[in-house]
Each structure stands twice: as structure tokens, then as C-alpha cells.
Amino acid sequence: MKEYILKRLLLFIPTLIGTALAIFILLRVLPGDVAEIILSGPAGQGSFAHEDVLRLREDLGLDKPIYVQFGQWVWDMVRGDLGESYVTRRSISAQIKNQIPVTLQLAALSALTVAAVGIPIGILAAVRRDSLLDVILRGWAILGLATPSFFAGLLVILGLSTIFRWMPPVGFSHMWVDPVVSIQQLVFPALALGFASNGLLLRMMRTQLLEVLGDDYVRTARSKGLSNTIVIWRHAVRNALLPVVTTFGFQVGALLSGTVVIEAVFSVPGVGGGLVAALLSRDLPMIQIYIIYFAVLALVVNLLVDLTYAWLDPRIRYE
């Protein structure tokens, strides 16, 4: 197992290099001059001379060949230097050090709610198959799958502001400042973020459990006189969880990417909001670091899913 983990970690390197190269080239072949966009300002109405554009391009290193720019960027990252923003001219490390924990906290809280709600309700729907409760739960799951995360966020805000007179906070308290307030501020964004994933996990858990309940070993367990509760929880659920774990892993990746929209809707100062701002201003170094950040998280999540597989099913071994 240790050798497998080491091999997977080593594979991170070429994957990240390929991702970095792809995003680096893509951002530089997009139409529009980055220097002109920066000089135009947020409203795009700033005035500047051609000499100003040339001077800024030289200052930012955009006048060098792409392969030179890429090599310098990779070498700086290897040395731990993430560079500075084209727009704010501040260190990227200083800007993202407070954003990353917020996004991770939001995604983790949403993932916990998805697992804590979707899996048990999926089990309940399977146990109460074809009942009125099952029909209601399946309808709720389909509604979740059909609702975009941004629309779910707007519905949450509308409902909370109308019924409870609650509005998204103007400020934000970080976890290390006030953990309780920080979690309270992220509960509703986490619920909106995980609404669709809840529906998918519910349907997946229900389908897999119904399939497992029809297997021979489950019928054998029942013929031995075991109670329905023991049969379901000790024998059926564990085996039904294997495909659900894979689905959940993919959904964690979807939750991480969904933070971009939800953070904008709820004014959460995380990576998502930073990425949107960087995209609008064509802040290339910031965009590149954000993409690498999401790529690293995706690789880590996939590795954790594979390891969870081995924990759930001892027959699975990785060499």
C-alpha cells in the first residue's frame, strides 16, 4: 500500500506539469492584450499611450517568448515563489493564504452535509421502496439534480431573507478567529452548494442498496434468522457503498468547482471569488495558481477515494 501511495504521489508531478503547461498556453493565446486590459482599468475606459503598453509588457515579462515565461514561472514555483499579481502587484501568497482555508472549509462542510444527508436518506428510500415516502424522496432528489447551484443559492437567500430576515454577512470571520461564527456563516452556502450532490448521492445509494438486497448472500443471511436491521446495516450497506464512494469522490470535485459560483452568491471571500476577479481582469499569474490549486485538490481527492475503496472492501489491494 505504501508503494502504491508513493507511485500515485509521484504521478502528481507530470500531471501538474501538463496542467500548468496547458493553462499557461491557453491563457496566452486568448484574444486581447493583457497589458492593454490592465491599463484600461476595471471599467475598460482608461486612456494610455502605446509606449505605456510596451513598458508594462516589459515590466511584466510578457515581451519574452512563451517558453521562457513558462520556464521562469515553473522555476519560481519550485523555489516556493508564486509571483505577484499583475493587477494589485501584491504577492500571490499573501492574497491566497486567507482564501484557501475558507474554500476548503466551505467544500468540507458541504461534503459532510451531502454524506450525512444523501446516504442515510438513500438507505431509507431503498428500505421503504415504492412507498409514498420513497416517491417523495426520489422527487426531491430529481429536483436537486435539476437545480443549478447558483439558483439554489439565490433560493436560499430569498427564503432566509423573507422568512427569517437574514442576509449574507458583509464581513467574514475566519475559522482561526471565531470557529462558531465562521461555521454559522458557511452553513447556508454549504447547503446550497451540496443540494444537487445530495440528490445524486441519494439516488445512487438507493439504487445500489436495492441491487445488493437482491443478492444471494443477503437472502442467506435472512434465512439464518438475522433481523432486517442487521442484514441491511452489517451486510448490505457496506457492499452497496463501494460505487457510492466513487460517486461521492467525483461530487467532492464538483463541490470544489461549485464554490466559484456559491462564493460569489453569498459573498464568501474564498478562492472562487478570487478566481472570478482574476478572470475578469486577466490577471494571468493569479488564474494560473488558482487552476493549479484546483488540480492538486482533484488529485488528492481521487487518491483518497481509491484508499477508501481498500478500507471498505479488504479484497481490494493496490500494488
C-alpha atoms as a PDB file:
ATOM      1  CA  MET A   1       0.000   0.000   0.000  1.00  0.00           C
ATOM      2  CA  LYS A   2       2.842   2.402   0.834  1.00  0.00           C
ATOM      3  CA  GLU A   3       4.439   1.759  -2.552  1.00  0.00           C
ATOM      4  CA  TYR A   4       1.117   2.414  -4.279  1.00  0.00           C
ATOM      5  CA  ILE A   5       0.663   5.720  -2.454  1.00  0.00           C
ATOM      6  CA  LEU A   6       4.231   6.741  -3.326  1.00  0.00           C
ATOM      7  CA  LYS A   7       3.672   5.921  -7.008  1.00  0.00           C
ATOM      8  CA  ARG A   8       0.463   7.928  -7.054  1.00  0.00           C
ATOM      9  CA  LEU A   9       2.191  10.882  -5.422  1.00  0.00           C
ATOM     10  CA  LEU A  10       4.994  10.726  -7.992  1.00  0.00           C
ATOM     11  CA  LEU A  11       2.383  10.724 -10.769  1.00  0.00           C
ATOM     12  CA  PHE A  12       1.166  14.048  -9.402  1.00  0.00           C
ATOM     13  CA  ILE A  13       4.296  15.680 -10.855  1.00  0.00           C
ATOM     14  CA  PRO A  14       3.744  15.028 -14.606  1.00  0.00           C
ATOM     15  CA  THR A  15       0.013  15.628 -14.185  1.00  0.00           C
ATOM     16  CA  LEU A  16       0.565  19.034 -12.627  1.00  0.00           C
ATOM     17  CA  ILE A  17       3.220  19.935 -15.196  1.00  0.00           C
ATOM     18  CA  GLY A  18       0.819  19.045 -18.012  1.00  0.00           C
ATOM     19  CA  THR A  19      -1.969  21.056 -16.380  1.00  0.00           C
ATOM     20  CA  ALA A  20       0.331  24.021 -15.839  1.00  0.00           C
ATOM     21  CA  LEU A  21       1.547  23.943 -19.453  1.00  0.00           C
ATOM     22  CA  ALA A  22      -1.987  23.680 -20.843  1.00  0.00           C
ATOM     23  CA  ILE A  23      -3.398  26.567 -18.816  1.00  0.00           C
ATOM     24  CA  PHE A  24      -0.274  28.680 -19.407  1.00  0.00           C
ATOM     25  CA  ILE A  25      -0.522  28.358 -23.192  1.00  0.00           C
ATOM     26  CA  LEU A  26      -4.311  28.709 -23.250  1.00  0.00           C
ATOM     27  CA  LEU A  27      -4.270  31.988 -21.328  1.00  0.00           C
ATOM     28  CA  ARG A  28      -1.691  33.457 -23.683  1.00  0.00           C
ATOM     29  CA  VAL A  29      -3.454  32.587 -26.934  1.00  0.00           C
ATOM     30  CA  LEU A  30      -6.714  34.214 -25.866  1.00  0.00           C
ATOM     31  CA  PRO A  31      -7.610  37.360 -27.840  1.00  0.00           C
ATOM     32  CA  GLY A  32      -6.738  40.710 -26.336  1.00  0.00           C
ATOM     33  CA  ASP A  33      -3.534  42.210 -24.985  1.00  0.00           C
ATOM     34  CA  VAL A  34      -3.163  41.682 -21.236  1.00  0.00           C
ATOM     35  CA  ALA A  35      -1.224  44.925 -20.822  1.00  0.00           C
ATOM     36  CA  GLU A  36      -3.949  46.922 -22.584  1.00  0.00           C
ATOM     37  CA  ILE A  37      -6.661  45.276 -20.470  1.00  0.00           C
ATOM     38  CA  ILE A  38      -4.812  46.142 -17.257  1.00  0.00           C
ATOM     39  CA  LEU A  39      -4.203  49.743 -18.341  1.00  0.00           C
ATOM     40  CA  SER A  40      -7.858  50.109 -19.350  1.00  0.00           C
ATOM     41  CA  GLY A  41      -8.895  49.599 -15.732  1.00  0.00           C
ATOM     42  CA  PRO A  42     -11.927  47.744 -14.329  1.00  0.00           C
ATOM     43  CA  ALA A  43     -14.368  49.761 -16.464  1.00  0.00           C
ATOM     44  CA  GLY A  44     -12.273  49.349 -19.606  1.00  0.00           C
ATOM     45  CA  GLN A  45     -12.272  53.111 -20.236  1.00  0.00           C
ATOM     46  CA  GLY A  46      -8.773  54.092 -19.148  1.00  0.00           C
ATOM     47  CA  SER A  47      -6.604  56.064 -21.567  1.00  0.00           C
ATOM     48  CA  PHE A  48      -2.992  55.136 -22.275  1.00  0.00           C
ATOM     49  CA  ALA A  49      -0.298  55.551 -24.886  1.00  0.00           C
ATOM     50  CA  HIS A  50       1.330  52.807 -26.925  1.00  0.00           C
ATOM     51  CA  GLU A  51       4.567  53.413 -25.020  1.00  0.00           C
ATOM     52  CA  ASP A  52       2.740  52.630 -21.781  1.00  0.00           C
ATOM     53  CA  VAL A  53       1.669  49.257 -23.190  1.00  0.00           C
ATOM     54  CA  LEU A  54       5.212  48.404 -24.264  1.00  0.00           C
ATOM     55  CA  ARG A  55       6.607  49.479 -20.900  1.00  0.00           C
ATOM     56  CA  LEU A  56       4.075  47.391 -18.960  1.00  0.00           C
ATOM     57  CA  ARG A  57       4.641  44.339 -21.169  1.00  0.00           C
ATOM     58  CA  GLU A  58       8.367  44.581 -20.496  1.00  0.00           C
ATOM     59  CA  ASP A  59       7.781  45.110 -16.782  1.00  0.00           C
ATOM     60  CA  LEU A  60       5.559  42.003 -16.575  1.00  0.00           C
ATOM     61  CA  GLY A  61       7.848  39.909 -18.764  1.00  0.00           C
ATOM     62  CA  LEU A  62       5.185  39.475 -21.444  1.00  0.00           C
ATOM     63  CA  ASP A  63       7.618  40.524 -24.171  1.00  0.00           C
ATOM     64  CA  LYS A  64       9.647  37.334 -23.701  1.00  0.00           C
ATOM     65  CA  PRO A  65       8.975  34.100 -25.651  1.00  0.00           C
ATOM     66  CA  ILE A  66       6.281  31.866 -24.147  1.00  0.00           C
ATOM     67  CA  TYR A  67       8.711  29.048 -23.370  1.00  0.00           C
ATOM     68  CA  VAL A  68      10.921  31.466 -21.436  1.00  0.00           C
ATOM     69  CA  GLN A  69       7.930  32.767 -19.468  1.00  0.00           C
ATOM     70  CA  PHE A  70       6.781  29.222 -18.698  1.00  0.00           C
ATOM     71  CA  GLY A  71      10.221  28.069 -17.604  1.00  0.00           C
ATOM     72  CA  GLN A  72      10.645  31.074 -15.326  1.00  0.00           C
ATOM     73  CA  TRP A  73       7.193  30.538 -13.793  1.00  0.00           C
ATOM     74  CA  VAL A  74       7.817  26.837 -13.103  1.00  0.00           C
ATOM     75  CA  TRP A  75      11.248  27.560 -11.630  1.00  0.00           C
ATOM     76  CA  ASP A  76       9.795  30.249  -9.365  1.00  0.00           C
ATOM     77  CA  MET A  77       7.116  27.829  -8.114  1.00  0.00           C
ATOM     78  CA  VAL A  78       9.730  25.139  -7.429  1.00  0.00           C
ATOM     79  CA  ARG A  79      11.540  27.707  -5.272  1.00  0.00           C
ATOM     80  CA  GLY A  80       8.282  28.491  -3.463  1.00  0.00           C
ATOM     81  CA  ASP A  81       7.780  31.868  -5.123  1.00  0.00           C
ATOM     82  CA  LEU A  82       4.241  32.100  -6.517  1.00  0.00           C
ATOM     83  CA  GLY A  83       4.940  35.504  -8.034  1.00  0.00           C
ATOM     84  CA  GLU A  84       2.833  38.634  -7.792  1.00  0.00           C
ATOM     85  CA  SER A  85      -0.482  39.770  -9.191  1.00  0.00           C
ATOM     86  CA  TYR A  86      -0.440  41.767 -12.427  1.00  0.00           C
ATOM     87  CA  VAL A  87      -3.253  43.961 -11.118  1.00  0.00           C
ATOM     88  CA  THR A  88      -2.577  44.558  -7.421  1.00  0.00           C
ATOM     89  CA  ARG A  89       1.207  43.981  -7.664  1.00  0.00           C
ATOM     90  CA  ARG A  90       0.975  42.177  -4.342  1.00  0.00           C
ATOM     91  CA  SER A  91       2.429  38.776  -3.536  1.00  0.00           C
ATOM     92  CA  ILE A  92       0.085  35.966  -4.614  1.00  0.00           C
ATOM     93  CA  SER A  93       0.945  34.001  -1.479  1.00  0.00           C
ATOM     94  CA  ALA A  94      -0.266  36.882   0.671  1.00  0.00           C
ATOM     95  CA  GLN A  95      -3.555  37.068  -1.231  1.00  0.00           C
ATOM     96  CA  ILE A  96      -4.463  33.377  -1.244  1.00  0.00           C
ATOM     97  CA  LYS A  97      -3.316  32.390   2.250  1.00  0.00           C
ATOM     98  CA  ASN A  98      -6.661  33.517   3.699  1.00  0.00           C
ATOM     99  CA  GLN A  99      -8.761  32.413   0.701  1.00  0.00           C
ATOM    100  CA  ILE A 100      -7.737  28.750   0.560  1.00  0.00           C
ATOM    101  CA  PRO A 101      -8.825  27.843   4.133  1.00  0.00           C
ATOM    102  CA  VAL A 102     -12.229  29.450   3.527  1.00  0.00           C
ATOM    103  CA  THR A 103     -12.866  27.477   0.335  1.00  0.00           C
ATOM    104  CA  LEU A 104     -11.646  24.231   1.903  1.00  0.00           C
ATOM    105  CA  GLN A 105     -13.886  24.845   4.905  1.00  0.00           C
ATOM    106  CA  LEU A 106     -16.897  25.521   2.670  1.00  0.00           C
ATOM    107  CA  ALA A 107     -16.273  22.447   0.495  1.00  0.00           C
ATOM    108  CA  ALA A 108     -15.627  20.207   3.522  1.00  0.00           C
ATOM    109  CA  LEU A 109     -18.770  21.397   5.298  1.00  0.00           C
ATOM    110  CA  SER A 110     -20.804  20.857   2.140  1.00  0.00           C
ATOM    111  CA  ALA A 111     -19.308  17.377   1.620  1.00  0.00           C
ATOM    112  CA  LEU A 112     -20.174  16.434   5.204  1.00  0.00           C
ATOM    113  CA  THR A 113     -23.774  17.553   4.750  1.00  0.00           C
ATOM    114  CA  VAL A 114     -24.010  15.648   1.454  1.00  0.00           C
ATOM    115  CA  ALA A 115     -22.732  12.439   3.053  1.00  0.00           C
ATOM    116  CA  ALA A 116     -24.761  12.900   6.237  1.00  0.00           C
ATOM    117  CA  VAL A 117     -28.000  13.580   4.348  1.00  0.00           C
ATOM    118  CA  GLY A 118     -27.732  11.813   0.997  1.00  0.00           C
ATOM    119  CA  ILE A 119     -26.546   8.383   2.175  1.00  0.00           C
ATOM    120  CA  PRO A 120     -28.981   7.847   5.100  1.00  0.00           C
ATOM    121  CA  ILE A 121     -31.939   9.133   3.088  1.00  0.00           C
ATOM    122  CA  GLY A 122     -30.926   6.902   0.186  1.00  0.00           C
ATOM    123  CA  ILE A 123     -30.909   3.925   2.551  1.00  0.00           C
ATOM    124  CA  LEU A 124     -34.313   4.944   3.894  1.00  0.00           C
ATOM    125  CA  ALA A 125     -35.719   5.241   0.366  1.00  0.00           C
ATOM    126  CA  ALA A 126     -34.427   1.760  -0.507  1.00  0.00           C
ATOM    127  CA  VAL A 127     -35.839   0.193   2.658  1.00  0.00           C
ATOM    128  CA  ARG A 128     -39.232   1.864   2.034  1.00  0.00           C
ATOM    129  CA  ARG A 129     -39.221   1.030  -1.667  1.00  0.00           C
ATOM    130  CA  ASP A 130     -42.285   2.159  -3.673  1.00  0.00           C
ATOM    131  CA  SER A 131     -43.895   3.732  -0.618  1.00  0.00           C
ATOM    132  CA  LEU A 132     -45.166   7.317  -0.531  1.00  0.00           C
ATOM    133  CA  LEU A 133     -42.008   8.326   1.345  1.00  0.00           C
ATOM    134  CA  ASP A 134     -39.862   6.751  -1.374  1.00  0.00           C
ATOM    135  CA  VAL A 135     -41.730   8.661  -4.080  1.00  0.00           C
ATOM    136  CA  ILE A 136     -41.297  11.949  -2.200  1.00  0.00           C
ATOM    137  CA  LEU A 137     -37.586  11.362  -1.622  1.00  0.00           C
ATOM    138  CA  ARG A 138     -36.992  10.446  -5.258  1.00  0.00           C
ATOM    139  CA  GLY A 139     -38.845  13.575  -6.351  1.00  0.00           C
ATOM    140  CA  TRP A 140     -36.707  15.662  -4.024  1.00  0.00           C
ATOM    141  CA  ALA A 141     -33.561  14.055  -5.476  1.00  0.00           C
ATOM    142  CA  ILE A 142     -34.636  14.820  -9.045  1.00  0.00           C
ATOM    143  CA  LEU A 143     -35.397  18.412  -8.043  1.00  0.00           C
ATOM    144  CA  GLY A 144     -31.910  18.722  -6.588  1.00  0.00           C
ATOM    145  CA  LEU A 145     -30.293  17.365  -9.739  1.00  0.00           C
ATOM    146  CA  ALA A 146     -32.285  19.790 -11.893  1.00  0.00           C
ATOM    147  CA  THR A 147     -31.416  22.868  -9.812  1.00  0.00           C
ATOM    148  CA  PRO A 148     -28.174  24.739 -10.638  1.00  0.00           C
ATOM    149  CA  SER A 149     -26.092  25.648  -7.596  1.00  0.00           C
ATOM    150  CA  PHE A 150     -26.356  29.398  -8.217  1.00  0.00           C
ATOM    151  CA  PHE A 151     -30.167  29.148  -8.381  1.00  0.00           C
ATOM    152  CA  ALA A 152     -30.215  27.067  -5.195  1.00  0.00           C
ATOM    153  CA  GLY A 153     -28.106  29.757  -3.542  1.00  0.00           C
ATOM    154  CA  LEU A 154     -30.483  32.506  -4.650  1.00  0.00           C
ATOM    155  CA  LEU A 155     -33.468  30.497  -3.383  1.00  0.00           C
ATOM    156  CA  VAL A 156     -31.765  30.008  -0.014  1.00  0.00           C
ATOM    157  CA  ILE A 157     -31.047  33.732   0.293  1.00  0.00           C
ATOM    158  CA  LEU A 158     -34.577  34.645  -0.805  1.00  0.00           C
ATOM    159  CA  GLY A 159     -36.161  32.228   1.642  1.00  0.00           C
ATOM    160  CA  LEU A 160     -33.946  33.234   4.550  1.00  0.00           C
ATOM    161  CA  SER A 161     -34.307  36.965   3.922  1.00  0.00           C
ATOM    162  CA  THR A 162     -38.095  36.682   3.576  1.00  0.00           C
ATOM    163  CA  ILE A 163     -38.832  34.280   6.423  1.00  0.00           C
ATOM    164  CA  PHE A 164     -36.004  34.867   8.907  1.00  0.00           C
ATOM    165  CA  ARG A 165     -34.913  38.370   7.837  1.00  0.00           C
ATOM    166  CA  TRP A 166     -31.387  37.029   7.312  1.00  0.00           C
ATOM    167  CA  MET A 167     -28.970  38.391   4.736  1.00  0.00           C
ATOM    168  CA  PRO A 168     -25.437  37.262   3.824  1.00  0.00           C
ATOM    169  CA  PRO A 169     -22.919  38.926   6.161  1.00  0.00           C
ATOM    170  CA  VAL A 170     -20.951  41.878   4.851  1.00  0.00           C
ATOM    171  CA  GLY A 171     -17.833  40.783   6.724  1.00  0.00           C
ATOM    172  CA  PHE A 172     -16.443  37.315   7.305  1.00  0.00           C
ATOM    173  CA  SER A 173     -14.977  35.710  10.405  1.00  0.00           C
ATOM    174  CA  HIS A 174     -12.241  33.170   9.710  1.00  0.00           C
ATOM    175  CA  MET A 175     -12.081  29.805  11.442  1.00  0.00           C
ATOM    176  CA  TRP A 176      -8.996  30.726  13.456  1.00  0.00           C
ATOM    177  CA  VAL A 177     -10.667  33.935  14.694  1.00  0.00           C
ATOM    178  CA  ASP A 178     -14.104  32.619  15.713  1.00  0.00           C
ATOM    179  CA  PRO A 179     -14.842  28.985  14.702  1.00  0.00           C
ATOM    180  CA  VAL A 180     -18.504  29.087  15.739  1.00  0.00           C
ATOM    181  CA  VAL A 181     -19.345  32.252  13.802  1.00  0.00           C
ATOM    182  CA  SER A 182     -17.326  31.019  10.824  1.00  0.00           C
ATOM    183  CA  ILE A 183     -19.302  27.769  10.615  1.00  0.00           C
ATOM    184  CA  GLN A 184     -22.593  29.637  11.066  1.00  0.00           C
ATOM    185  CA  GLN A 185     -21.716  31.890   8.132  1.00  0.00           C
ATOM    186  CA  LEU A 186     -20.985  28.889   5.894  1.00  0.00           C
ATOM    187  CA  VAL A 187     -23.897  26.593   6.807  1.00  0.00           C
ATOM    188  CA  PHE A 188     -26.343  28.003   4.262  1.00  0.00           C
ATOM    189  CA  PRO A 189     -23.764  28.336   1.451  1.00  0.00           C
ATOM    190  CA  ALA A 190     -22.760  24.721   2.130  1.00  0.00           C
ATOM    191  CA  LEU A 191     -26.373  23.541   1.908  1.00  0.00           C
ATOM    192  CA  ALA A 192     -26.905  25.384  -1.375  1.00  0.00           C
ATOM    193  CA  LEU A 193     -23.617  24.068  -2.745  1.00  0.00           C
ATOM    194  CA  GLY A 194     -24.464  20.458  -1.919  1.00  0.00           C
ATOM    195  CA  PHE A 195     -28.125  20.496  -2.986  1.00  0.00           C
ATOM    196  CA  ALA A 196     -27.525  18.770  -6.338  1.00  0.00           C
ATOM    197  CA  SER A 197     -24.947  16.368  -4.892  1.00  0.00           C
ATOM    198  CA  ASN A 198     -27.440  15.336  -2.219  1.00  0.00           C
ATOM    199  CA  GLY A 199     -29.892  14.268  -4.894  1.00  0.00           C
ATOM    200  CA  LEU A 200     -27.291  12.323  -6.854  1.00  0.00           C
ATOM    201  CA  LEU A 201     -25.931  10.523  -3.786  1.00  0.00           C
ATOM    202  CA  LEU A 202     -29.458   9.688  -2.626  1.00  0.00           C
ATOM    203  CA  ARG A 203     -30.351   8.089  -5.958  1.00  0.00           C
ATOM    204  CA  MET A 204     -27.032   6.250  -6.161  1.00  0.00           C
ATOM    205  CA  MET A 205     -27.327   4.873  -2.622  1.00  0.00           C
ATOM    206  CA  ARG A 206     -30.915   3.768  -3.190  1.00  0.00           C
ATOM    207  CA  THR A 207     -30.117   2.022  -6.478  1.00  0.00           C
ATOM    208  CA  GLN A 208     -27.042   0.221  -5.179  1.00  0.00           C
ATOM    209  CA  LEU A 209     -28.707  -0.914  -1.960  1.00  0.00           C
ATOM    210  CA  LEU A 210     -31.727  -2.300  -3.812  1.00  0.00           C
ATOM    211  CA  GLU A 211     -29.364  -4.230  -6.074  1.00  0.00           C
ATOM    212  CA  VAL A 212     -27.388  -5.647  -3.144  1.00  0.00           C
ATOM    213  CA  LEU A 213     -30.545  -6.618  -1.240  1.00  0.00           C
ATOM    214  CA  GLY A 214     -31.366  -8.996  -4.072  1.00  0.00           C
ATOM    215  CA  ASP A 215     -28.029 -10.851  -3.889  1.00  0.00           C
ATOM    216  CA  ASP A 216     -27.744 -14.442  -2.685  1.00  0.00           C
ATOM    217  CA  TYR A 217     -25.670 -13.710   0.417  1.00  0.00           C
ATOM    218  CA  VAL A 218     -28.332 -11.295   1.682  1.00  0.00           C
ATOM    219  CA  ARG A 219     -31.050 -13.905   1.233  1.00  0.00           C
ATOM    220  CA  THR A 220     -28.802 -16.408   3.012  1.00  0.00           C
ATOM    221  CA  ALA A 221     -28.348 -14.026   5.934  1.00  0.00           C
ATOM    222  CA  ARG A 222     -32.102 -13.588   6.213  1.00  0.00           C
ATOM    223  CA  SER A 223     -32.675 -17.348   6.031  1.00  0.00           C
ATOM    224  CA  LYS A 224     -30.400 -17.728   9.064  1.00  0.00           C
ATOM    225  CA  GLY A 225     -32.849 -15.660  11.085  1.00  0.00           C
ATOM    226  CA  LEU A 226     -30.915 -12.388  11.209  1.00  0.00           C
ATOM    227  CA  SER A 227     -33.044  -9.321  11.753  1.00  0.00           C
ATOM    228  CA  ASN A 228     -33.687  -6.946   8.866  1.00  0.00           C
ATOM    229  CA  THR A 229     -31.696  -4.204  10.616  1.00  0.00           C
ATOM    230  CA  ILE A 230     -28.598  -6.399  10.938  1.00  0.00           C
ATOM    231  CA  VAL A 231     -28.905  -7.637   7.360  1.00  0.00           C
ATOM    232  CA  ILE A 232     -29.140  -4.101   5.999  1.00  0.00           C
ATOM    233  CA  TRP A 233     -26.501  -2.363   8.107  1.00  0.00           C
ATOM    234  CA  ARG A 234     -23.975  -5.160   8.604  1.00  0.00           C
ATOM    235  CA  HIS A 235     -24.128  -6.873   5.221  1.00  0.00           C
ATOM    236  CA  ALA A 236     -25.904  -4.835   2.546  1.00  0.00           C
ATOM    237  CA  VAL A 237     -24.894  -1.223   3.205  1.00  0.00           C
ATOM    238  CA  ARG A 238     -21.142  -1.869   3.351  1.00  0.00           C
ATOM    239  CA  ASN A 239     -21.129  -3.549  -0.069  1.00  0.00           C
ATOM    240  CA  ALA A 240     -23.503  -1.005  -1.566  1.00  0.00           C
ATOM    241  CA  LEU A 241     -21.187   1.816  -0.503  1.00  0.00           C
ATOM    242  CA  LEU A 242     -18.377   0.945  -2.936  1.00  0.00           C
ATOM    243  CA  PRO A 243     -19.892   2.599  -6.049  1.00  0.00           C
ATOM    244  CA  VAL A 244     -21.301   5.353  -3.850  1.00  0.00           C
ATOM    245  CA  VAL A 245     -17.786   6.210  -2.650  1.00  0.00           C
ATOM    246  CA  THR A 246     -16.681   6.721  -6.255  1.00  0.00           C
ATOM    247  CA  THR A 247     -19.679   8.943  -6.919  1.00  0.00           C
ATOM    248  CA  PHE A 248     -19.016  10.869  -3.719  1.00  0.00           C
ATOM    249  CA  GLY A 249     -15.390  11.413  -4.756  1.00  0.00           C
ATOM    250  CA  PHE A 250     -16.494  12.906  -8.067  1.00  0.00           C
ATOM    251  CA  GLN A 251     -19.014  15.055  -6.227  1.00  0.00           C
ATOM    252  CA  VAL A 252     -16.329  16.428  -3.916  1.00  0.00           C
ATOM    253  CA  GLY A 253     -14.548  17.644  -7.042  1.00  0.00           C
ATOM    254  CA  ALA A 254     -17.815  19.143  -8.259  1.00  0.00           C
ATOM    255  CA  LEU A 255     -18.294  20.839  -4.890  1.00  0.00           C
ATOM    256  CA  LEU A 256     -14.829  22.386  -5.108  1.00  0.00           C
ATOM    257  CA  SER A 257     -15.539  23.789  -8.568  1.00  0.00           C
ATOM    258  CA  GLY A 258     -19.020  24.868  -7.458  1.00  0.00           C
ATOM    259  CA  THR A 259     -17.529  27.089  -4.772  1.00  0.00           C
ATOM    260  CA  VAL A 260     -16.704  29.584  -7.529  1.00  0.00           C
ATOM    261  CA  VAL A 261     -20.403  30.367  -8.017  1.00  0.00           C
ATOM    262  CA  ILE A 262     -21.594  29.935  -4.436  1.00  0.00           C
ATOM    263  CA  GLU A 263     -18.884  32.191  -3.022  1.00  0.00           C
ATOM    264  CA  ALA A 264     -19.963  34.917  -5.422  1.00  0.00           C
ATOM    265  CA  VAL A 265     -23.648  34.499  -4.486  1.00  0.00           C
ATOM    266  CA  PHE A 266     -23.036  34.523  -0.718  1.00  0.00           C
ATOM    267  CA  SER A 267     -20.092  36.972  -0.736  1.00  0.00           C
ATOM    268  CA  VAL A 268     -17.719  34.408   0.745  1.00  0.00           C
ATOM    269  CA  PRO A 269     -14.065  35.582   0.477  1.00  0.00           C
ATOM    270  CA  GLY A 270     -12.621  32.347  -0.858  1.00  0.00           C
ATOM    271  CA  VAL A 271     -10.713  31.077  -3.865  1.00  0.00           C
ATOM    272  CA  GLY A 272     -13.833  31.146  -6.044  1.00  0.00           C
ATOM    273  CA  GLY A 273     -14.325  34.876  -5.690  1.00  0.00           C
ATOM    274  CA  GLY A 274     -10.629  35.443  -6.276  1.00  0.00           C
ATOM    275  CA  LEU A 275     -10.715  33.343  -9.444  1.00  0.00           C
ATOM    276  CA  VAL A 276     -13.690  35.284 -10.830  1.00  0.00           C
ATOM    277  CA  ALA A 277     -11.940  38.599 -10.145  1.00  0.00           C
ATOM    278  CA  ALA A 278      -8.728  37.327 -11.737  1.00  0.00           C
ATOM    279  CA  LEU A 279     -10.567  36.126 -14.841  1.00  0.00           C
ATOM    280  CA  LEU A 280     -12.343  39.457 -15.292  1.00  0.00           C
ATOM    281  CA  SER A 281      -9.071  41.393 -15.049  1.00  0.00           C
ATOM    282  CA  ARG A 282      -6.971  38.827 -16.976  1.00  0.00           C
ATOM    283  CA  ASP A 283      -4.616  38.543 -14.014  1.00  0.00           C
ATOM    284  CA  LEU A 284      -2.654  35.629 -15.504  1.00  0.00           C
ATOM    285  CA  PRO A 285      -0.451  34.669 -12.516  1.00  0.00           C
ATOM    286  CA  MET A 286      -3.456  34.573 -10.190  1.00  0.00           C
ATOM    287  CA  ILE A 287      -5.516  32.470 -12.626  1.00  0.00           C
ATOM    288  CA  GLN A 288      -2.651  30.004 -13.072  1.00  0.00           C
ATOM    289  CA  ILE A 289      -2.193  29.499  -9.335  1.00  0.00           C
ATOM    290  CA  TYR A 290      -5.931  29.030  -8.784  1.00  0.00           C
ATOM    291  CA  ILE A 291      -6.100  26.371 -11.529  1.00  0.00           C
ATOM    292  CA  ILE A 292      -3.103  24.531 -10.069  1.00  0.00           C
ATOM    293  CA  TYR A 293      -4.781  24.669  -6.670  1.00  0.00           C
ATOM    294  CA  PHE A 294      -7.941  23.010  -8.003  1.00  0.00           C
ATOM    295  CA  ALA A 295      -5.841  20.421  -9.880  1.00  0.00           C
ATOM    296  CA  VAL A 296      -3.969  19.446  -6.709  1.00  0.00           C
ATOM    297  CA  LEU A 297      -7.221  19.079  -4.786  1.00  0.00           C
ATOM    298  CA  ALA A 298      -8.684  16.876  -7.535  1.00  0.00           C
ATOM    299  CA  LEU A 299      -5.645  14.585  -7.458  1.00  0.00           C
ATOM    300  CA  VAL A 300      -5.747  14.300  -3.672  1.00  0.00           C
ATOM    301  CA  VAL A 301      -9.478  13.540  -3.664  1.00  0.00           C
ATOM    302  CA  ASN A 302      -9.039  10.780  -6.262  1.00  0.00           C
ATOM    303  CA  LEU A 303      -6.260   9.208  -4.201  1.00  0.00           C
ATOM    304  CA  LEU A 304      -8.386   9.299  -1.045  1.00  0.00           C
ATOM    305  CA  VAL A 305     -11.274   7.652  -2.911  1.00  0.00           C
ATOM    306  CA  ASP A 306      -9.031   4.777  -4.012  1.00  0.00           C
ATOM    307  CA  LEU A 307      -7.743   4.295  -0.463  1.00  0.00           C
ATOM    308  CA  THR A 308     -11.288   4.337   0.899  1.00  0.00           C
ATOM    309  CA  TYR A 309     -12.144   1.555  -1.545  1.00  0.00           C
ATOM    310  CA  ALA A 310      -9.494  -0.676   0.033  1.00  0.00           C
ATOM    311  CA  TRP A 311     -10.775   0.144   3.514  1.00  0.00           C
ATOM    312  CA  LEU A 312     -14.371  -0.726   2.637  1.00  0.00           C
ATOM    313  CA  ASP A 313     -13.503  -3.927   0.763  1.00  0.00           C
ATOM    314  CA  PRO A 314     -10.489  -5.879   2.124  1.00  0.00           C
ATOM    315  CA  ARG A 315     -10.417  -7.882  -1.122  1.00  0.00           C
ATOM    316  CA  ILE A 316      -9.170  -4.795  -2.943  1.00  0.00           C
ATOM    317  CA  ARG A 317      -5.419  -4.407  -2.772  1.00  0.00           C
ATOM    318  CA  TYR A 318      -3.245  -1.939  -4.630  1.00  0.00           C
ATOM    319  CA  GLU A 319       0.203  -2.951  -5.752  1.00  0.00           C
END
